[in-house]
């Protein structure tokens, strides 16, 4: 799907987009021409929207890092690995309020729209399974949301620090990932798949006249692009390297692992995906800057 909104946002930049959005939403709010959060019928609190596909690496510390922040987890899962077992363990042994919906692998936007539909609470936290929040950040977010005008809809942005290779290296010199990670629920919200330079990406469509954008200029946690499982690291790298060929159907009749092994042998002289992952990791960490910041307590066992 082509989206003029995406290219307008790219042209205006974040500040220009925020200015336009906030000007229109302020005008609409003063005129009283839209449905406010109180009219949506949601309970006070936060629903975490967690869409998972083979996320066994970090799903446990990720979900535990926000257990004191969110009132429920809406998990939409398509995994074929141990992800679902780990989530069930968190639900049964750690007492997390998790509701699980299983769907076949496919459109991430469809998964997010299902999670939105099922959310019971006023605030929705967009939570990927490789995000981990700092220990102090839960109270910070609670205090911040309680300070906002309850009559208004908000999109709240902040930066994550991205770690690559392993847990001790940054993803390049500009390792920040900024998006609207928290927003008030509205029945007008919808995720749509957009193709950016040929790659499908899920994109939240939030009406300009409705949502006020707010930027928190403070890092609240880590985005773990690092992989514990070397085999999965190789699979992911090979997928992105040959995504155009996959999309064009060049490998019909072959399983994903068969394709990955064939490409690994072609590029690296071996079809041992764990060995390929080890080589990728070794190359990554030699070129990445070190991270010397804080870690959430749930990550300490993984670092040690």
Protein backbone atom coordinates (compact mmCIF):
# COMPACT_ATOMS: atom_id res chain seq x y z
CA UNK A 1 0.00 0.00 0.00
CA UNK A 2 1.27 3.47 -0.94
CA UNK A 3 0.84 6.08 1.80
CA UNK A 4 1.14 9.82 1.08
CA UNK A 5 1.13 10.31 4.87
CA UNK A 6 4.42 8.42 5.19
CA UNK A 7 6.18 10.56 2.59
CA UNK A 8 4.71 13.78 4.00
CA UNK A 9 6.07 12.81 7.39
CA UNK A 10 9.48 12.06 5.90
CA UNK A 11 9.45 15.45 4.17
CA UNK A 12 8.39 17.41 7.25
CA UNK A 13 10.60 15.53 9.69
CA UNK A 14 9.61 14.69 13.24
CA UNK A 15 9.41 18.29 14.46
CA UNK A 16 7.39 19.47 11.49
CA UNK A 17 5.00 16.52 11.79
CA UNK A 18 4.56 17.15 15.52
CA UNK A 19 3.83 20.82 14.88
CA UNK A 20 1.20 20.05 12.23
CA UNK A 21 -0.41 17.28 14.29
CA UNK A 22 -0.55 19.32 17.47
CA UNK A 23 -1.92 22.38 15.72
CA UNK A 24 -4.76 20.36 14.15
CA UNK A 25 -5.52 18.36 17.29
CA UNK A 26 -5.61 21.52 19.43
CA UNK A 27 -8.03 23.14 16.99
CA UNK A 28 -10.29 20.05 16.96
CA UNK A 29 -10.17 19.77 20.75
CA UNK A 30 -11.25 23.37 21.25
CA UNK A 31 -14.10 22.89 18.80
CA UNK A 32 -15.11 19.67 20.56
CA UNK A 33 -15.58 17.78 17.29
CA UNK A 34 -14.07 14.41 18.20
CA UNK A 35 -14.62 11.52 20.59
CA UNK A 36 -12.38 11.80 23.64
CA UNK A 37 -10.73 8.93 25.57
CA UNK A 38 -13.49 8.91 28.20
CA UNK A 39 -16.08 8.16 25.50
CA UNK A 40 -14.22 5.04 24.32
CA UNK A 41 -15.35 3.08 27.39
CA UNK A 42 -11.91 1.75 28.36
CA UNK A 43 -10.78 1.19 31.94
CA UNK A 44 -7.97 3.31 33.44
CA UNK A 45 -4.67 1.50 32.98
CA UNK A 46 -2.26 0.20 30.33
CA UNK A 47 -2.59 -2.73 27.90
CA UNK A 48 0.70 -4.04 26.50
CA UNK A 49 0.35 -5.07 22.85
CA UNK A 50 2.87 -7.89 22.25
CA UNK A 51 2.97 -9.49 18.79
CA UNK A 52 5.40 -12.42 18.71
CA UNK A 53 6.96 -14.66 16.10
CA UNK A 54 9.80 -16.88 17.37
CA UNK A 55 10.97 -14.50 20.09
CA UNK A 56 12.40 -16.98 22.61
CA UNK A 57 15.68 -15.02 22.95
CA UNK A 58 14.39 -12.10 25.02
CA UNK A 59 10.67 -12.62 25.66
CA UNK A 60 11.11 -13.45 29.37
CA UNK A 61 13.18 -10.40 30.45
CA UNK A 62 11.18 -8.23 28.05
CA UNK A 63 7.79 -9.00 29.60
CA UNK A 64 9.12 -9.05 33.17
CA UNK A 65 10.64 -5.58 32.78
CA UNK A 66 7.14 -4.02 32.55
CA UNK A 67 5.24 -6.21 35.01
CA UNK A 68 4.89 -3.22 37.38
CA UNK A 69 3.74 -0.91 34.60
CA UNK A 70 1.02 -2.68 32.61
CA UNK A 71 -2.35 -4.05 33.70
CA UNK A 72 -2.51 -6.73 31.01
CA UNK A 73 -0.53 -8.24 28.16
CA UNK A 74 -2.36 -8.88 24.88
CA UNK A 75 -0.13 -11.45 23.15
CA UNK A 76 -0.80 -12.28 19.50
CA UNK A 77 1.53 -15.18 18.71
CA UNK A 78 2.52 -17.03 15.53
CA UNK A 79 5.62 -18.77 16.86
CA UNK A 80 6.99 -22.20 16.02
CA UNK A 81 9.75 -22.18 18.68
CA UNK A 82 9.51 -22.07 22.50
CA UNK A 83 8.08 -18.53 22.67
CA UNK A 84 4.56 -19.61 23.57
CA UNK A 85 5.82 -22.04 26.25
CA UNK A 86 7.83 -19.23 27.86
CA UNK A 87 4.82 -16.89 27.80
CA UNK A 88 2.66 -19.60 29.40
CA UNK A 89 5.33 -19.99 32.09
CA UNK A 90 5.25 -16.24 32.77
CA UNK A 91 1.47 -16.42 33.05
CA UNK A 92 1.30 -19.49 35.29
CA UNK A 93 4.47 -19.20 37.39
CA UNK A 94 5.02 -15.45 37.56
CA UNK A 95 1.36 -14.47 37.61
CA UNK A 96 1.38 -12.06 34.68
CA UNK A 97 -2.06 -11.09 33.39
CA UNK A 98 -1.64 -12.46 29.87
CA UNK A 99 -4.31 -13.10 27.25
CA UNK A 100 -3.02 -15.11 24.30
CA UNK A 101 -4.36 -15.19 20.74
CA UNK A 102 -2.82 -17.60 18.24
CA UNK A 103 -2.81 -16.73 14.54
CA UNK A 104 -0.88 -18.10 11.52
CA UNK A 105 2.27 -16.21 10.47
CA UNK A 106 1.45 -13.37 8.10
CA UNK A 107 0.69 -9.68 8.28
CA UNK A 108 2.06 -7.95 11.39
CA UNK A 109 -0.55 -5.23 10.93
CA UNK A 110 -3.33 -7.81 11.24
CA UNK A 111 -1.78 -9.04 14.49
CA UNK A 112 -1.54 -5.50 15.88
CA UNK A 113 -5.13 -4.70 14.89
CA UNK A 114 -6.31 -7.80 16.74
CA UNK A 115 -4.36 -6.71 19.83
CA UNK A 116 -5.87 -3.22 19.60
CA UNK A 117 -9.37 -4.67 19.35
CA UNK A 118 -8.84 -6.80 22.45
CA UNK A 119 -7.23 -4.11 24.64
CA UNK A 120 -9.28 -3.40 27.78
CA UNK A 121 -7.46 -0.30 29.02
CA UNK A 122 -7.23 3.36 28.10
CA UNK A 123 -3.51 3.34 27.27
CA UNK A 124 -1.90 0.95 24.77
CA UNK A 125 1.81 0.20 25.01
CA UNK A 126 3.40 -0.94 21.75
CA UNK A 127 5.75 -3.57 23.16
CA UNK A 128 8.09 -5.63 21.00
CA UNK A 129 9.50 -8.83 22.47
CA UNK A 130 13.06 -7.47 22.37
CA UNK A 131 12.34 -4.26 24.33
CA UNK A 132 13.52 -4.16 27.96
CA UNK A 133 12.64 -1.20 30.19
CA UNK A 134 14.94 0.27 32.84
CA UNK A 135 13.92 -0.47 36.43
CA UNK A 136 12.97 3.12 37.25
CA UNK A 137 11.05 3.74 34.01
CA UNK A 138 7.76 2.08 35.02
CA UNK A 139 7.11 4.66 37.74
CA UNK A 140 8.28 7.42 35.41
CA UNK A 141 5.75 6.41 32.72
CA UNK A 142 2.93 6.07 35.25
CA UNK A 143 3.60 9.54 36.66
CA UNK A 144 3.92 10.98 33.16
CA UNK A 145 0.61 9.61 31.87
CA UNK A 146 -1.23 10.71 35.01
CA UNK A 147 0.00 14.27 34.41
CA UNK A 148 -1.61 14.49 30.94
CA UNK A 149 -5.03 15.95 30.22
CA UNK A 150 -7.44 12.95 30.42
CA UNK A 151 -9.73 14.63 27.86
CA UNK A 152 -7.13 14.42 25.11
CA UNK A 153 -5.73 11.66 22.92
CA UNK A 154 -1.93 11.36 22.95
CA UNK A 155 0.88 9.68 21.03
CA UNK A 156 3.90 9.45 23.33
CA UNK A 157 7.33 9.07 21.75
CA UNK A 158 10.68 8.27 23.35
CA UNK A 159 14.03 6.75 22.33
CA UNK A 160 15.30 3.24 22.97
CA UNK A 161 19.04 2.53 22.86
CA UNK A 162 19.67 -0.31 20.40
CA UNK A 163 22.21 -3.01 21.24
CA UNK A 164 23.62 -5.17 18.42
CA UNK A 165 25.93 -8.15 18.22
CA UNK A 166 25.84 -8.81 21.96
CA UNK A 167 24.65 -6.97 25.07
CA UNK A 168 27.81 -4.85 25.28
CA UNK A 169 27.75 -3.10 21.90
CA UNK A 170 25.69 -0.30 20.39
CA UNK A 171 24.11 -0.46 16.94
CA UNK A 172 26.42 2.11 15.37
CA UNK A 173 27.11 5.72 16.28
CA UNK A 174 23.43 6.72 16.31
CA UNK A 175 21.81 3.79 18.14
CA UNK A 176 18.46 5.39 18.98
CA UNK A 177 15.08 4.01 17.93
CA UNK A 178 12.24 6.53 18.31
CA UNK A 179 8.55 5.91 17.69
CA UNK A 180 5.16 6.38 19.35
CA UNK A 181 5.45 3.56 21.86
CA UNK A 182 2.47 4.57 24.01
CA UNK A 183 -0.89 6.00 22.98
CA UNK A 184 -4.46 6.39 24.16
CA UNK A 185 -6.89 3.90 22.70
CA UNK A 186 -9.22 5.12 19.96
CA UNK A 187 -11.60 3.16 17.76
CA UNK A 188 -10.24 5.22 14.86
CA UNK A 189 -6.73 3.73 15.15
CA UNK A 190 -5.67 1.15 12.60
CA UNK A 191 -2.43 -0.50 11.53
CA UNK A 192 -1.75 -0.93 7.82
CA UNK A 193 1.03 -2.65 5.89
CA UNK A 194 3.09 -0.20 3.88
CA UNK A 195 5.80 -1.18 1.42
CA UNK A 196 8.82 1.06 1.94
CA UNK A 197 11.48 0.46 -0.72
CA UNK A 198 9.90 -2.93 -1.37
CA UNK A 199 9.88 -4.05 2.27
CA UNK A 200 6.55 -4.51 4.13
CA UNK A 201 6.32 -2.44 7.33
CA UNK A 202 3.45 -2.08 9.78
CA UNK A 203 2.36 1.52 10.24
CA UNK A 204 -0.07 3.03 12.75
CA UNK A 205 -2.60 5.38 11.16
CA UNK A 206 -3.58 7.90 13.85
CA UNK A 207 -5.88 10.78 12.75
CA UNK A 208 -4.03 14.10 12.76
CA UNK A 209 -7.01 15.96 14.19
CA UNK A 210 -7.28 13.56 17.12
CA UNK A 211 -3.84 12.80 18.56
CA UNK A 212 -1.45 15.20 20.24
CA UNK A 213 2.19 14.12 19.91
CA UNK A 214 4.52 14.30 22.91
CA UNK A 215 8.24 13.53 22.89
CA UNK A 216 9.98 12.32 26.05
CA UNK A 217 13.63 13.31 25.68
CA UNK A 218 14.86 10.49 27.88
CA UNK A 219 15.91 6.92 27.10
CA UNK A 220 13.60 4.52 28.94
CA UNK A 221 15.20 1.20 28.05
CA UNK A 222 17.01 -1.02 25.57
CA UNK A 223 16.07 -2.49 22.21
CA UNK A 224 17.91 -5.81 22.02
CA UNK A 225 18.76 -6.42 18.40
CA UNK A 226 21.46 -8.72 19.74
CA UNK A 227 20.74 -12.44 19.37
CA UNK A 228 21.48 -15.17 21.90
CA UNK A 229 20.80 -17.94 19.40
CA UNK A 230 23.52 -17.95 16.72
CA UNK A 231 21.46 -20.08 14.35
CA UNK A 232 18.60 -17.60 14.47
CA UNK A 233 21.03 -14.74 13.91
CA UNK A 234 22.15 -16.42 10.68
CA UNK A 235 18.56 -17.06 9.59
CA UNK A 236 17.60 -13.44 10.16
CA UNK A 237 20.61 -12.03 8.31
CA UNK A 238 20.05 -14.36 5.35
CA UNK A 239 16.36 -13.44 5.23
CA UNK A 240 17.05 -9.72 4.97
CA UNK A 241 19.90 -10.22 2.51
CA UNK A 242 17.66 -12.13 0.10
CA UNK A 243 14.24 -10.71 0.98
CA UNK A 244 13.59 -9.53 -2.58
CA UNK A 245 14.19 -13.03 -3.95
CA UNK A 246 11.90 -14.49 -1.28
CA UNK A 247 9.14 -12.04 -2.15
CA UNK A 248 9.47 -12.76 -5.86
CA UNK A 249 9.02 -16.50 -5.24
CA UNK A 250 12.48 -17.58 -6.34
CA UNK A 251 12.55 -20.45 -3.85
CA UNK A 252 9.18 -22.09 -4.29
CA UNK A 253 8.92 -25.61 -2.89
CA UNK A 254 11.79 -25.17 -0.42
CA UNK A 255 11.48 -24.69 3.33
CA UNK A 256 12.94 -21.56 4.85
CA UNK A 257 15.75 -23.55 6.50
CA UNK A 258 16.61 -25.28 3.22
CA UNK A 259 16.84 -21.88 1.54
CA UNK A 260 18.99 -20.49 4.35
CA UNK A 261 21.39 -23.45 4.26
CA UNK A 262 21.71 -23.21 0.49
CA UNK A 263 22.53 -19.50 0.67
CA UNK A 264 24.85 -19.99 3.65
CA UNK A 265 26.84 -22.60 1.70
CA UNK A 266 26.98 -20.29 -1.31
CA UNK A 267 28.22 -17.29 0.70
CA UNK A 268 30.24 -18.87 3.51
CA UNK A 269 31.32 -22.29 2.30
CA UNK A 270 29.31 -24.05 5.01
CA UNK A 271 25.64 -24.79 5.63
CA UNK A 272 26.16 -24.98 9.41
CA UNK A 273 23.90 -22.07 10.44
CA UNK A 274 25.32 -21.87 13.95
CA UNK A 275 28.82 -21.46 12.55
CA UNK A 276 27.55 -18.83 10.11
CA UNK A 277 25.90 -16.99 13.02
CA UNK A 278 29.17 -17.11 14.99
CA UNK A 279 31.02 -15.53 12.06
CA UNK A 280 28.36 -12.82 11.67
CA UNK A 281 28.53 -11.99 15.39
CA UNK A 282 32.33 -11.88 15.31
CA UNK A 283 32.30 -9.40 12.44
CA UNK A 284 29.61 -7.25 14.05
CA UNK A 285 31.28 -6.70 17.41
CA UNK A 286 34.62 -5.69 15.91
CA UNK A 287 33.00 -2.71 14.18
CA UNK A 288 30.50 -1.59 16.85
CA UNK A 289 31.03 0.98 19.63
CA UNK A 290 30.85 -0.21 23.23
CA UNK A 291 27.81 0.43 25.43
CA UNK A 292 28.71 1.69 28.91
CA UNK A 293 25.24 2.67 30.17
CA UNK A 294 22.85 1.10 32.65
CA UNK A 295 21.12 -2.26 32.36
CA UNK A 296 17.70 -3.37 33.64
CA UNK A 297 18.07 -5.82 36.51
CA UNK A 298 16.30 -8.57 34.52
CA UNK A 299 19.19 -8.54 32.03
CA UNK A 300 22.02 -8.95 34.53
CA UNK A 301 21.91 -12.80 34.48
CA UNK A 302 22.19 -12.76 30.68
CA UNK A 303 25.21 -10.43 30.76
CA UNK A 304 26.99 -12.51 33.38
